[in-house]
N, C-alpha and C. Protein backbone atom coordinates (compact mmCIF):
# COMPACT_ATOMS: atom_id res chain seq x y z
N MET A 1 126.07 35.86 -180.39
CA MET A 1 125.41 37.10 -180.37
C MET A 1 124.28 37.08 -181.31
N LYS A 2 123.12 37.53 -181.11
CA LYS A 2 122.01 37.57 -181.68
C LYS A 2 121.64 38.94 -182.42
N THR A 3 121.35 39.00 -183.48
CA THR A 3 121.12 40.09 -184.38
C THR A 3 119.83 40.49 -184.41
N ILE A 4 119.49 41.67 -184.61
CA ILE A 4 118.12 42.22 -184.69
C ILE A 4 117.64 42.08 -186.15
N ARG A 5 116.48 41.69 -186.25
CA ARG A 5 116.13 41.60 -187.98
C ARG A 5 115.78 42.87 -188.71
N PRO A 6 116.05 43.09 -189.67
CA PRO A 6 115.87 44.50 -190.16
C PRO A 6 114.58 44.88 -190.20
N PRO A 7 113.45 44.15 -190.35
CA PRO A 7 112.10 44.71 -190.39
C PRO A 7 111.69 45.05 -188.88
N LEU A 8 112.27 44.49 -187.98
CA LEU A 8 111.96 45.10 -186.54
C LEU A 8 112.69 46.19 -186.50
N VAL A 9 113.84 46.43 -186.85
CA VAL A 9 114.52 47.74 -186.74
C VAL A 9 113.68 48.89 -187.47
N ALA A 10 113.26 48.59 -188.57
CA ALA A 10 112.59 49.56 -189.43
C ALA A 10 111.42 50.05 -188.71
N PHE A 11 110.45 48.95 -188.20
CA PHE A 11 109.17 49.12 -187.55
C PHE A 11 109.48 50.11 -186.21
N ALA A 12 110.66 49.66 -185.35
CA ALA A 12 110.96 50.53 -184.34
C ALA A 12 111.28 52.06 -184.65
N ALA A 13 111.86 52.27 -185.64
CA ALA A 13 112.42 53.40 -186.18
C ALA A 13 111.17 54.35 -186.62
N ALA A 14 110.27 53.51 -187.32
CA ALA A 14 108.88 54.30 -187.53
C ALA A 14 108.16 54.64 -186.71
N LEU A 15 107.90 53.85 -185.61
CA LEU A 15 107.07 53.87 -184.49
C LEU A 15 107.93 55.18 -183.72
N GLY A 16 109.21 55.29 -183.46
CA GLY A 16 109.89 56.36 -182.73
C GLY A 16 109.74 57.63 -183.37
N CYS A 17 109.64 57.64 -184.78
CA CYS A 17 109.33 59.03 -185.46
C CYS A 17 108.07 59.18 -185.21
N ALA A 18 107.29 58.57 -185.39
CA ALA A 18 105.66 58.71 -185.24
C ALA A 18 105.63 59.29 -183.90
N LEU A 19 106.05 59.08 -182.99
CA LEU A 19 105.84 59.43 -181.44
C LEU A 19 106.47 60.84 -181.54
N MET A 20 107.55 60.89 -181.90
CA MET A 20 108.22 62.14 -181.73
C MET A 20 107.52 63.28 -182.62
N ALA A 21 106.88 62.85 -183.51
CA ALA A 21 106.09 63.76 -184.71
C ALA A 21 105.00 64.30 -184.00
N SER A 22 104.26 63.40 -183.09
CA SER A 22 103.00 64.01 -182.53
C SER A 22 103.03 65.13 -181.58
N PRO A 23 102.30 66.13 -181.55
CA PRO A 23 102.33 67.17 -180.83
C PRO A 23 101.89 66.97 -179.35
N ALA A 24 102.66 67.50 -178.52
CA ALA A 24 102.32 67.27 -177.12
C ALA A 24 100.81 67.72 -176.73
N GLN A 25 100.13 67.02 -176.14
CA GLN A 25 98.71 67.24 -175.67
C GLN A 25 98.86 68.21 -174.34
N ALA A 26 97.80 69.06 -174.27
CA ALA A 26 97.54 69.83 -173.05
C ALA A 26 96.83 68.78 -172.22
N ASP A 27 96.71 69.09 -170.83
CA ASP A 27 96.11 68.43 -169.91
C ASP A 27 94.63 68.64 -170.21
N GLY A 28 93.91 67.59 -170.47
CA GLY A 28 92.60 67.69 -170.79
C GLY A 28 91.73 67.50 -169.63
N GLU A 29 92.40 67.70 -168.34
CA GLU A 29 91.71 67.41 -167.09
C GLU A 29 91.39 68.78 -166.52
N VAL A 30 91.07 69.73 -167.45
CA VAL A 30 90.81 71.02 -166.80
C VAL A 30 89.36 71.26 -166.11
N THR A 31 89.27 71.71 -164.93
CA THR A 31 87.90 71.62 -164.25
C THR A 31 87.51 73.15 -164.25
N CYS A 32 86.35 73.57 -164.47
CA CYS A 32 85.83 74.98 -164.59
C CYS A 32 84.89 75.31 -163.41
N ASN A 33 84.55 74.33 -162.73
CA ASN A 33 83.42 74.52 -161.63
C ASN A 33 82.28 75.44 -162.19
N SER A 34 81.79 75.10 -163.11
CA SER A 34 80.96 76.04 -163.91
C SER A 34 79.28 75.95 -163.45
N GLY A 35 79.10 74.88 -162.72
CA GLY A 35 77.55 74.61 -162.21
C GLY A 35 76.62 74.12 -163.42
N PRO A 36 75.40 74.40 -163.22
CA PRO A 36 74.39 73.67 -164.10
C PRO A 36 74.51 74.26 -165.43
N LYS A 37 74.30 73.61 -166.51
CA LYS A 37 74.35 73.80 -167.77
C LYS A 37 73.25 74.79 -168.25
N ASP A 38 72.19 74.78 -167.67
CA ASP A 38 71.10 75.94 -168.04
C ASP A 38 71.61 77.23 -167.68
N LYS A 39 72.87 77.61 -167.08
CA LYS A 39 73.30 78.79 -166.60
C LYS A 39 74.31 79.27 -167.75
N TRP A 40 74.98 78.17 -168.65
CA TRP A 40 76.02 78.63 -169.66
C TRP A 40 75.46 79.28 -170.57
N LYS A 41 76.33 80.25 -171.16
CA LYS A 41 76.14 80.97 -172.38
C LYS A 41 76.12 80.21 -173.64
N PRO A 42 75.59 80.59 -174.68
CA PRO A 42 75.69 79.61 -175.71
C PRO A 42 76.99 79.70 -176.37
N MET A 43 76.96 78.53 -177.18
CA MET A 43 78.31 78.31 -177.99
C MET A 43 78.56 79.56 -178.87
N ALA A 44 77.41 80.06 -179.45
CA ALA A 44 77.56 81.09 -180.41
C ALA A 44 78.42 82.37 -179.86
N GLU A 45 78.14 82.59 -178.61
CA GLU A 45 78.79 83.64 -177.74
C GLU A 45 80.19 83.45 -177.67
N LEU A 46 80.46 82.08 -177.28
CA LEU A 46 82.03 81.77 -177.14
C LEU A 46 82.89 81.77 -178.55
N ARG A 47 81.97 81.71 -179.75
CA ARG A 47 82.59 81.90 -180.97
C ARG A 47 82.96 83.30 -181.28
N LYS A 48 82.04 84.12 -180.87
CA LYS A 48 82.38 85.66 -180.76
C LYS A 48 83.55 85.94 -180.17
N LYS A 49 83.74 85.55 -179.01
CA LYS A 49 84.67 85.73 -178.15
C LYS A 49 86.21 85.38 -178.54
N VAL A 50 86.14 84.12 -179.02
CA VAL A 50 87.10 83.71 -179.83
C VAL A 50 87.45 84.54 -180.90
N TRP A 51 86.67 85.01 -181.77
CA TRP A 51 86.98 86.00 -182.92
C TRP A 51 87.67 87.37 -182.29
N ALA A 52 87.04 87.74 -181.32
CA ALA A 52 87.29 89.05 -180.66
C ALA A 52 88.86 88.86 -180.12
N GLU A 53 89.28 87.52 -179.79
CA GLU A 53 90.55 87.39 -179.58
C GLU A 53 91.51 87.38 -180.63
N GLY A 54 91.04 87.52 -181.71
CA GLY A 54 91.78 87.65 -183.05
C GLY A 54 92.22 86.11 -183.63
N TRP A 55 91.45 85.20 -182.99
CA TRP A 55 91.68 83.93 -183.43
C TRP A 55 90.95 83.34 -184.56
N GLN A 56 91.35 82.22 -185.32
CA GLN A 56 90.60 81.62 -186.13
C GLN A 56 90.10 80.41 -185.64
N LEU A 57 88.83 80.12 -185.41
CA LEU A 57 88.23 78.97 -184.86
C LEU A 57 88.20 77.84 -185.54
N GLU A 58 88.95 76.60 -185.02
CA GLU A 58 89.01 75.48 -185.75
C GLU A 58 87.87 74.49 -185.26
N LYS A 59 87.73 74.38 -183.98
CA LYS A 59 86.63 73.61 -183.31
C LYS A 59 86.37 74.17 -181.96
N ALA A 60 85.10 73.99 -181.43
CA ALA A 60 84.57 74.38 -180.20
C ALA A 60 83.89 73.24 -179.56
N LEU A 61 84.03 72.95 -178.30
CA LEU A 61 83.42 71.81 -177.80
C LEU A 61 83.30 72.06 -176.38
N VAL A 62 82.39 71.05 -175.70
CA VAL A 62 82.23 70.91 -174.27
C VAL A 62 83.26 69.99 -173.95
N GLN A 63 84.15 70.26 -172.85
CA GLN A 63 85.03 69.19 -172.39
C GLN A 63 84.75 69.11 -170.71
N GLY A 64 84.14 68.20 -170.39
CA GLY A 64 83.91 68.00 -168.98
C GLY A 64 82.96 69.13 -168.49
N ASP A 65 83.24 70.07 -167.80
CA ASP A 65 82.58 71.30 -167.38
C ASP A 65 83.00 72.63 -167.95
N CYS A 66 83.83 72.55 -168.93
CA CYS A 66 84.38 73.98 -169.76
C CYS A 66 84.11 73.84 -171.06
N TYR A 67 84.28 74.97 -171.67
CA TYR A 67 84.26 75.11 -173.11
C TYR A 67 85.78 74.85 -173.48
N GLU A 68 85.90 74.01 -174.39
CA GLU A 68 87.31 73.83 -175.05
C GLU A 68 87.35 74.25 -176.42
N VAL A 69 88.47 74.93 -176.76
CA VAL A 69 88.41 75.60 -178.08
C VAL A 69 89.86 75.24 -178.75
N TYR A 70 89.67 75.03 -180.31
CA TYR A 70 91.03 74.79 -180.84
C TYR A 70 91.03 75.70 -181.88
N ALA A 71 92.11 76.58 -182.01
CA ALA A 71 92.10 77.79 -183.00
C ALA A 71 93.36 78.19 -183.37
N ARG A 72 93.49 79.12 -184.35
CA ARG A 72 94.77 79.55 -184.74
C ARG A 72 94.84 81.00 -184.29
N ASN A 73 95.93 81.48 -183.67
CA ASN A 73 96.09 82.94 -183.51
C ASN A 73 96.82 83.55 -184.85
N GLU A 74 96.87 84.90 -184.56
CA GLU A 74 97.24 85.78 -185.75
C GLU A 74 98.48 85.16 -186.51
N ALA A 75 99.48 84.52 -185.92
CA ALA A 75 100.62 83.91 -186.49
C ALA A 75 100.32 82.64 -186.93
N GLY A 76 99.13 82.13 -186.98
CA GLY A 76 98.98 80.89 -187.59
C GLY A 76 99.12 79.61 -186.53
N GLN A 77 99.67 79.86 -185.29
CA GLN A 77 99.83 78.82 -184.51
C GLN A 77 98.96 78.19 -183.84
N VAL A 78 98.69 76.95 -183.65
CA VAL A 78 97.49 76.14 -183.18
C VAL A 78 97.41 76.45 -181.62
N LEU A 79 96.30 76.67 -181.14
CA LEU A 79 96.14 76.82 -179.70
C LEU A 79 94.95 75.90 -179.16
N GLU A 80 95.10 75.56 -177.96
CA GLU A 80 94.20 74.81 -177.26
C GLU A 80 93.72 75.70 -176.16
N ALA A 81 92.56 76.18 -175.97
CA ALA A 81 91.93 77.05 -174.85
C ALA A 81 90.76 76.47 -174.09
N PHE A 82 90.64 77.03 -172.83
CA PHE A 82 89.57 76.63 -172.04
C PHE A 82 88.85 77.79 -171.54
N PHE A 83 87.53 77.88 -171.63
CA PHE A 83 86.78 79.17 -171.23
C PHE A 83 85.83 78.68 -170.14
N HIS A 84 85.44 79.66 -169.12
CA HIS A 84 84.39 79.32 -168.38
C HIS A 84 83.16 79.41 -169.22
N PRO A 85 82.04 78.55 -169.12
CA PRO A 85 81.00 78.28 -169.80
C PRO A 85 79.94 79.44 -169.53
N VAL A 86 80.05 79.85 -168.11
CA VAL A 86 79.11 80.74 -167.67
C VAL A 86 79.47 82.39 -167.93
N THR A 87 80.75 82.44 -167.67
CA THR A 87 81.34 83.86 -167.89
C THR A 87 82.20 84.17 -169.04
N LEU A 88 82.41 82.93 -169.74
CA LEU A 88 83.25 83.03 -171.06
C LEU A 88 84.79 83.52 -170.96
N LYS A 89 85.08 83.61 -169.54
CA LYS A 89 86.40 84.02 -169.36
C LYS A 89 87.54 83.02 -169.73
N LYS A 90 88.50 83.68 -170.36
CA LYS A 90 89.60 82.69 -170.92
C LYS A 90 90.51 82.33 -169.65
N LEU A 91 90.51 80.94 -169.61
CA LEU A 91 91.20 80.41 -168.35
C LEU A 91 92.60 79.80 -168.42
N ILE A 92 92.92 79.25 -169.37
CA ILE A 92 94.06 78.53 -169.86
C ILE A 92 94.34 78.46 -171.24
N VAL A 93 95.56 78.56 -171.63
CA VAL A 93 95.79 78.38 -173.10
C VAL A 93 96.98 77.52 -173.15
N TYR A 94 97.00 76.74 -174.25
CA TYR A 94 98.17 75.72 -174.44
C TYR A 94 98.64 76.14 -176.00
N ARG A 95 99.82 76.01 -176.29
CA ARG A 95 100.37 75.93 -177.67
C ARG A 95 101.26 74.70 -177.55
N ARG A 96 101.06 73.95 -178.63
CA ARG A 96 101.82 72.61 -178.47
C ARG A 96 102.14 71.94 -177.34
N GLY A 97 101.12 71.82 -176.56
CA GLY A 97 101.06 71.31 -175.22
C GLY A 97 101.87 72.02 -174.06
N GLN A 98 102.30 73.27 -174.53
CA GLN A 98 102.97 74.02 -173.49
C GLN A 98 101.95 75.14 -172.92
N GLU A 99 101.94 75.36 -171.52
CA GLU A 99 100.88 76.51 -171.26
C GLU A 99 101.62 77.84 -171.65
N ILE A 100 100.66 78.78 -172.04
CA ILE A 100 101.09 79.97 -172.66
C ILE A 100 100.42 81.09 -171.88
N PHE A 101 99.54 80.68 -171.22
CA PHE A 101 98.56 81.66 -170.57
C PHE A 101 97.69 80.86 -169.53
N ARG A 102 97.54 81.44 -168.29
CA ARG A 102 96.68 80.98 -167.19
C ARG A 102 96.01 82.35 -166.49
N ALA A 103 94.95 82.47 -166.39
CA ALA A 103 94.09 83.54 -165.61
C ALA A 103 94.51 83.42 -164.33
N LYS A 104 94.70 84.65 -163.75
CA LYS A 104 95.28 84.81 -162.61
C LYS A 104 94.51 84.24 -161.45
N GLY A 105 94.82 83.31 -160.56
CA GLY A 105 94.19 82.56 -159.54
C GLY A 105 93.65 81.17 -160.24
N PHE A 106 93.52 81.06 -161.39
CA PHE A 106 92.73 79.83 -161.84
C PHE A 106 93.74 78.55 -161.68
N ASP A 107 93.13 77.49 -161.24
CA ASP A 107 93.66 76.18 -160.94
C ASP A 107 93.11 75.28 -161.72
N PRO A 108 93.88 74.69 -162.69
CA PRO A 108 93.17 73.83 -163.85
C PRO A 108 92.57 72.47 -163.06
N ALA A 109 93.07 72.10 -161.92
CA ALA A 109 92.49 71.02 -161.28
C ALA A 109 91.30 71.19 -160.36
N GLY A 110 90.83 72.58 -160.56
CA GLY A 110 89.67 72.82 -159.82
C GLY A 110 89.96 73.27 -158.60
């Protein structure tokens, strides 16, 4: 019977812990069908919208044809949200990889 070497066991255990500790990621394949970028509202308006939601903005960027926001809500929970760049409508929000909000009729796959 063959035994597993201790360094290999330690490595496997560390890798397993690291994978379990990583937060689940939301589906980054959200499609907004936003049209040409010259029709998009400025990122500054998005920042104001996020502030109006009561969120503390961590990061805002363009992801595909959507605005993507990383923020913290009033409870300090990390959120990932997608907004339509033309209307700034909040389309979908994830917390720890779990969908917690979706605008009525919105299909993230487009």
